[in-house]
Amino acid sequence: MRYIQVAVSVADEEKLKQELAVFEAIKDNYPKYLLTLDDVFVADHDGIRTLNIIDFLLERTNVNEESDIG
């Protein structure tokens, strides 16, 4: 299991906080991903990984690493 949140952009700090807040209520240890069209972003927010959605869809990022499997 993993959690995925999608946003067009999180370049705006308030939008980033809004999208990350969704994960804060989840208290388990399953992987959490924020997918966005942004090319520049902080890759990790306290364990929540941010990925470019195009890279994710084209499988250019490895979200199936053993450490990501709950």
Protein backbone atom coordinates (compact mmCIF):
# COMPACT_ATOMS: atom_id res chain seq x y z
CA MET A 1 0.00 0.00 0.00
CA ARG A 2 1.10 3.58 -0.61
CA TYR A 3 -0.57 6.98 -0.54
CA ILE A 4 -0.46 9.33 -3.53
CA GLN A 5 -1.58 12.95 -3.67
CA VAL A 6 -1.54 14.83 -7.00
CA ALA A 7 -1.25 18.58 -7.58
CA VAL A 8 -0.56 20.53 -10.75
CA SER A 9 1.99 22.67 -8.93
CA VAL A 10 3.23 23.19 -5.41
CA ALA A 11 5.55 26.08 -6.25
CA ASP A 12 3.43 28.32 -4.04
CA GLU A 13 4.30 27.71 -0.38
CA GLU A 14 0.64 27.80 0.72
CA LYS A 15 -0.32 25.21 -1.91
CA LEU A 16 2.53 22.97 -0.78
CA LYS A 17 1.37 23.20 2.84
CA GLN A 18 -2.19 22.38 1.74
CA GLU A 19 -1.09 19.28 -0.17
CA LEU A 20 1.21 18.04 2.60
CA ALA A 21 -1.50 18.53 5.23
CA VAL A 22 -3.45 15.67 3.66
CA PHE A 23 -0.70 13.28 4.74
CA GLU A 24 -0.29 14.65 8.26
CA ALA A 25 -3.49 12.98 9.43
CA ILE A 26 -2.19 9.58 8.30
CA LYS A 27 -0.25 8.02 11.15
CA ASP A 28 0.94 4.75 9.59
CA ASN A 29 4.31 4.10 7.95
CA TYR A 30 3.22 3.37 4.39
CA PRO A 31 5.03 5.42 1.72
CA LYS A 32 3.52 8.78 0.85
CA TYR A 33 4.05 10.56 -2.47
CA LEU A 34 3.16 14.00 -3.74
CA LEU A 35 3.08 14.05 -7.55
CA THR A 36 3.34 17.36 -9.37
CA LEU A 37 4.15 18.83 -12.79
CA ASP A 38 6.84 20.98 -11.19
CA ASP A 39 10.40 20.35 -12.38
CA VAL A 40 12.02 21.96 -9.35
CA PHE A 41 10.95 20.88 -5.86
CA VAL A 42 12.21 19.64 -2.52
CA ALA A 43 12.30 15.86 -2.91
CA ASP A 44 11.47 14.98 0.69
CA HIS A 45 9.24 16.58 3.32
CA ASP A 46 9.59 14.58 6.54
CA GLY A 47 9.32 11.30 4.67
CA ILE A 48 6.78 12.44 2.07
CA ARG A 49 8.47 12.08 -1.31
CA THR A 50 7.76 14.63 -4.03
CA LEU A 51 8.06 13.38 -7.59
CA ASN A 52 7.45 14.81 -11.02
CA ILE A 53 4.28 13.16 -12.31
CA ILE A 54 5.65 12.69 -15.84
CA ASP A 55 8.68 10.84 -14.48
CA PHE A 56 6.36 8.78 -12.29
CA LEU A 57 4.05 7.83 -15.18
CA LEU A 58 6.97 6.99 -17.47
CA GLU A 59 8.52 4.95 -14.63
CA ARG A 60 11.68 7.08 -14.56
CA THR A 61 11.51 7.08 -10.77
CA ASN A 62 11.66 3.95 -8.66
CA VAL A 63 8.73 3.90 -6.24
CA ASN A 64 8.89 0.13 -5.94
CA GLU A 65 12.13 0.02 -3.94
CA GLU A 66 12.04 -2.49 -1.11
CA SER A 67 12.21 0.34 1.43
CA ASP A 68 8.95 1.71 -0.02
CA ILE A 69 6.99 -1.49 0.40
CA GLY A 70 4.93 -1.31 3.60
